[in-house]
Amino acid sequence: MKNSPANPVLARTHLKHFSNVKKIAHFSRLSLCRVASDRLRPHTKI
């Protein structure tokens, strides 16, 4: 297995980047759900 970095600092930054990506994906999914609900119910504006 070559993709596991031996450098602990590199591994830590990779883990931080992965958590940021998960957070961004979560927020984009929330915004997508909000847009979809707004399209489903166009009369109820929040």
PDB file of N, CA and C in Angstrom:
ATOM      1  N   MET A   1       0.854  -1.203   0.000  1.00  0.00           N
ATOM      2  CA  MET A   1       0.000   0.000   0.000  1.00  0.00           C
ATOM      3  C   MET A   1       0.885   1.246   0.000  1.00  0.00           C
ATOM      4  N   LYS A   2       0.846   1.983  -1.066  1.00  0.00           N
ATOM      5  CA  LYS A   2       1.729   3.132  -1.197  1.00  0.00           C
ATOM      6  C   LYS A   2       0.984   4.437  -0.873  1.00  0.00           C
ATOM      7  N   ASN A   3      -0.346   4.401  -0.885  1.00  0.00           N
ATOM      8  CA  ASN A   3      -1.092   5.654  -0.739  1.00  0.00           C
ATOM      9  C   ASN A   3      -1.208   6.116   0.712  1.00  0.00           C
ATOM     10  N   SER A   4      -0.806   5.294   1.687  1.00  0.00           N
ATOM     11  CA  SER A   4      -0.806   5.757   3.072  1.00  0.00           C
ATOM     12  C   SER A   4       0.507   6.493   3.338  1.00  0.00           C
ATOM     13  N   PRO A   5       0.453   7.784   3.634  1.00  0.00           N
ATOM     14  CA  PRO A   5       1.695   8.555   3.789  1.00  0.00           C
ATOM     15  C   PRO A   5       2.410   8.196   5.078  1.00  0.00           C
ATOM     16  N   ALA A   6       3.737   8.098   4.987  1.00  0.00           N
ATOM     17  CA  ALA A   6       4.531   7.779   6.173  1.00  0.00           C
ATOM     18  C   ALA A   6       4.727   9.005   7.057  1.00  0.00           C
ATOM     19  N   ASN A   7       4.610  10.191   6.454  1.00  0.00           N
ATOM     20  CA  ASN A   7       4.803  11.410   7.214  1.00  0.00           C
ATOM     21  C   ASN A   7       3.540  11.697   8.029  1.00  0.00           C
ATOM     22  N   PRO A   8       3.629  11.796   9.360  1.00  0.00           N
ATOM     23  CA  PRO A   8       2.414  12.041  10.166  1.00  0.00           C
ATOM     24  C   PRO A   8       1.813  13.419   9.920  1.00  0.00           C
ATOM     25  N   VAL A   9       2.663  14.405   9.593  1.00  0.00           N
ATOM     26  CA  VAL A   9       2.127  15.737   9.313  1.00  0.00           C
ATOM     27  C   VAL A   9       1.324  15.711   8.020  1.00  0.00           C
ATOM     28  N   LEU A  10       1.857  14.994   7.032  1.00  0.00           N
ATOM     29  CA  LEU A  10       1.146  14.862   5.762  1.00  0.00           C
ATOM     30  C   LEU A  10      -0.177  14.125   5.957  1.00  0.00           C
ATOM     31  N   ALA A  11      -0.142  13.091   6.804  1.00  0.00           N
ATOM     32  CA  ALA A  11      -1.369  12.347   7.081  1.00  0.00           C
ATOM     33  C   ALA A  11      -2.390  13.238   7.783  1.00  0.00           C
ATOM     34  N   ARG A  12      -1.904  14.092   8.695  1.00  0.00           N
ATOM     35  CA  ARG A  12      -2.824  14.961   9.435  1.00  0.00           C
ATOM     36  C   ARG A  12      -3.458  15.991   8.491  1.00  0.00           C
ATOM     37  N   THR A  13      -2.647  16.569   7.602  1.00  0.00           N
ATOM     38  CA  THR A  13      -3.208  17.554   6.683  1.00  0.00           C
ATOM     39  C   THR A  13      -4.165  16.872   5.710  1.00  0.00           C
ATOM     40  N   HIS A  14      -3.860  15.630   5.323  1.00  0.00           N
ATOM     41  CA  HIS A  14      -4.757  14.893   4.437  1.00  0.00           C
ATOM     42  C   HIS A  14      -6.089  14.623   5.125  1.00  0.00           C
ATOM     43  N   LEU A  15      -6.017  14.283   6.419  1.00  0.00           N
ATOM     44  CA  LEU A  15      -7.241  14.020   7.172  1.00  0.00           C
ATOM     45  C   LEU A  15      -8.065  15.294   7.314  1.00  0.00           C
ATOM     46  N   LYS A  16      -7.367  16.431   7.547  1.00  0.00           N
ATOM     47  CA  LYS A  16      -8.077  17.698   7.671  1.00  0.00           C
ATOM     48  C   LYS A  16      -8.745  18.074   6.354  1.00  0.00           C
ATOM     49  N   HIS A  17      -8.031  17.839   5.253  1.00  0.00           N
ATOM     50  CA  HIS A  17      -8.599  18.132   3.935  1.00  0.00           C
ATOM     51  C   HIS A  17      -9.808  17.252   3.668  1.00  0.00           C
ATOM     52  N   PHE A  18      -9.732  15.983   4.070  1.00  0.00           N
ATOM     53  CA  PHE A  18     -10.852  15.070   3.854  1.00  0.00           C
ATOM     54  C   PHE A  18     -12.069  15.503   4.670  1.00  0.00           C
ATOM     55  N   SER A  19     -11.843  15.964   5.913  1.00  0.00           N
ATOM     56  CA  SER A  19     -12.970  16.414   6.729  1.00  0.00           C
ATOM     57  C   SER A  19     -13.573  17.693   6.152  1.00  0.00           C
ATOM     58  N   ASN A  20     -12.727  18.573   5.598  1.00  0.00           N
ATOM     59  CA  ASN A  20     -13.249  19.776   4.956  1.00  0.00           C
ATOM     60  C   ASN A  20     -14.086  19.419   3.738  1.00  0.00           C
ATOM     61  N   VAL A  21     -13.645  18.431   2.986  1.00  0.00           N
ATOM     62  CA  VAL A  21     -14.405  18.006   1.804  1.00  0.00           C
ATOM     63  C   VAL A  21     -15.754  17.432   2.215  1.00  0.00           C
ATOM     64  N   LYS A  22     -15.736  16.641   3.306  1.00  0.00           N
ATOM     65  CA  LYS A  22     -17.007  16.083   3.779  1.00  0.00           C
ATOM     66  C   LYS A  22     -17.940  17.191   4.245  1.00  0.00           C
ATOM     67  N   LYS A  23     -17.372  18.223   4.911  1.00  0.00           N
ATOM     68  CA  LYS A  23     -18.192  19.329   5.394  1.00  0.00           C
ATOM     69  C   LYS A  23     -18.797  20.103   4.230  1.00  0.00           C
ATOM     70  N   ILE A  24     -17.967  20.356   3.200  1.00  0.00           N
ATOM     71  CA  ILE A  24     -18.450  21.089   2.033  1.00  0.00           C
ATOM     72  C   ILE A  24     -19.530  20.288   1.306  1.00  0.00           C
ATOM     73  N   ALA A  25     -19.334  18.969   1.208  1.00  0.00           N
ATOM     74  CA  ALA A  25     -20.340  18.134   0.556  1.00  0.00           C
ATOM     75  C   ALA A  25     -21.642  18.148   1.354  1.00  0.00           C
ATOM     76  N   HIS A  26     -21.529  18.150   2.687  1.00  0.00           N
ATOM     77  CA  HIS A  26     -22.722  18.180   3.527  1.00  0.00           C
ATOM     78  C   HIS A  26     -23.488  19.484   3.336  1.00  0.00           C
ATOM     79  N   PHE A  27     -22.747  20.625   3.300  1.00  0.00           N
ATOM     80  CA  PHE A  27     -23.413  21.912   3.128  1.00  0.00           C
ATOM     81  C   PHE A  27     -24.024  22.034   1.748  1.00  0.00           C
ATOM     82  N   SER A  28     -23.339  21.523   0.714  1.00  0.00           N
ATOM     83  CA  SER A  28     -23.896  21.602  -0.635  1.00  0.00           C
ATOM     84  C   SER A  28     -25.145  20.723  -0.744  1.00  0.00           C
ATOM     85  N   ARG A  29     -25.137  19.589  -0.040  1.00  0.00           N
ATOM     86  CA  ARG A  29     -26.323  18.742  -0.064  1.00  0.00           C
ATOM     87  C   ARG A  29     -27.480  19.433   0.632  1.00  0.00           C
ATOM     88  N   LEU A  30     -27.195  20.154   1.744  1.00  0.00           N
ATOM     89  CA  LEU A  30     -28.249  20.887   2.434  1.00  0.00           C
ATOM     90  C   LEU A  30     -28.825  21.974   1.533  1.00  0.00           C
ATOM     91  N   SER A  31     -27.947  22.704   0.835  1.00  0.00           N
ATOM     92  CA  SER A  31     -28.428  23.764  -0.049  1.00  0.00           C
ATOM     93  C   SER A  31     -29.202  23.174  -1.220  1.00  0.00           C
ATOM     94  N   LEU A  32     -28.775  22.022  -1.715  1.00  0.00           N
ATOM     95  CA  LEU A  32     -29.498  21.366  -2.804  1.00  0.00           C
ATOM     96  C   LEU A  32     -30.885  20.935  -2.336  1.00  0.00           C
ATOM     97  N   CYS A  33     -30.979  20.417  -1.113  1.00  0.00           N
ATOM     98  CA  CYS A  33     -32.284  20.026  -0.578  1.00  0.00           C
ATOM     99  C   CYS A  33     -33.167  21.247  -0.407  1.00  0.00           C
ATOM    100  N   ARG A  34     -32.577  22.372   0.011  1.00  0.00           N
ATOM    101  CA  ARG A  34     -33.359  23.592   0.197  1.00  0.00           C
ATOM    102  C   ARG A  34     -33.874  24.100  -1.144  1.00  0.00           C
ATOM    103  N   VAL A  35     -33.017  24.066  -2.171  1.00  0.00           N
ATOM    104  CA  VAL A  35     -33.444  24.513  -3.498  1.00  0.00           C
ATOM    105  C   VAL A  35     -34.529  23.593  -4.042  1.00  0.00           C
ATOM    106  N   ALA A  36     -34.381  22.297  -3.832  1.00  0.00           N
ATOM    107  CA  ALA A  36     -35.386  21.347  -4.318  1.00  0.00           C
ATOM    108  C   ALA A  36     -36.725  21.573  -3.611  1.00  0.00           C
ATOM    109  N   SER A  37     -36.686  21.836  -2.298  1.00  0.00           N
ATOM    110  CA  SER A  37     -37.935  22.071  -1.574  1.00  0.00           C
ATOM    111  C   SER A  37     -38.560  23.388  -2.012  1.00  0.00           C
ATOM    112  N   ASP A  38     -37.728  24.396  -2.324  1.00  0.00           N
ATOM    113  CA  ASP A  38     -38.274  25.656  -2.829  1.00  0.00           C
ATOM    114  C   ASP A  38     -38.920  25.465  -4.192  1.00  0.00           C
ATOM    115  N   ARG A  39     -38.371  24.583  -5.003  1.00  0.00           N
ATOM    116  CA  ARG A  39     -38.976  24.328  -6.314  1.00  0.00           C
ATOM    117  C   ARG A  39     -40.255  23.517  -6.185  1.00  0.00           C
ATOM    118  N   LEU A  40     -40.282  22.637  -5.178  1.00  0.00           N
ATOM    119  CA  LEU A  40     -41.490  21.840  -4.983  1.00  0.00           C
ATOM    120  C   LEU A  40     -42.619  22.719  -4.452  1.00  0.00           C
ATOM    121  N   ARG A  41     -42.289  23.619  -3.534  1.00  0.00           N
ATOM    122  CA  ARG A  41     -43.305  24.504  -2.959  1.00  0.00           C
ATOM    123  C   ARG A  41     -42.920  25.950  -3.243  1.00  0.00           C
ATOM    124  N   PRO A  42     -43.237  26.467  -4.417  1.00  0.00           N
ATOM    125  CA  PRO A  42     -42.798  27.815  -4.778  1.00  0.00           C
ATOM    126  C   PRO A  42     -43.582  28.906  -4.063  1.00  0.00           C
ATOM    127  N   HIS A  43     -44.722  28.572  -3.476  1.00  0.00           N
ATOM    128  CA  HIS A  43     -45.547  29.608  -2.851  1.00  0.00           C
ATOM    129  C   HIS A  43     -45.075  29.914  -1.438  1.00  0.00           C
ATOM    130  N   THR A  44     -44.519  28.932  -0.750  1.00  0.00           N
ATOM    131  CA  THR A  44     -44.064  29.151   0.621  1.00  0.00           C
ATOM    132  C   THR A  44     -42.619  29.612   0.595  1.00  0.00           C
ATOM    133  N   LYS A  45     -42.412  30.897   0.632  1.00  0.00           N
ATOM    134  CA  LYS A  45     -41.058  31.449   0.637  1.00  0.00           C
ATOM    135  C   LYS A  45     -40.582  31.637   2.062  1.00  0.00           C
ATOM    136  N   ILE A  46     -39.409  31.094   2.370  1.00  0.00           N
ATOM    137  CA  ILE A  46     -38.868  31.179   3.732  1.00  0.00           C
ATOM    138  C   ILE A  46     -38.129  32.513   3.873  1.00  0.00           C
TER     139      ILE A  46
END
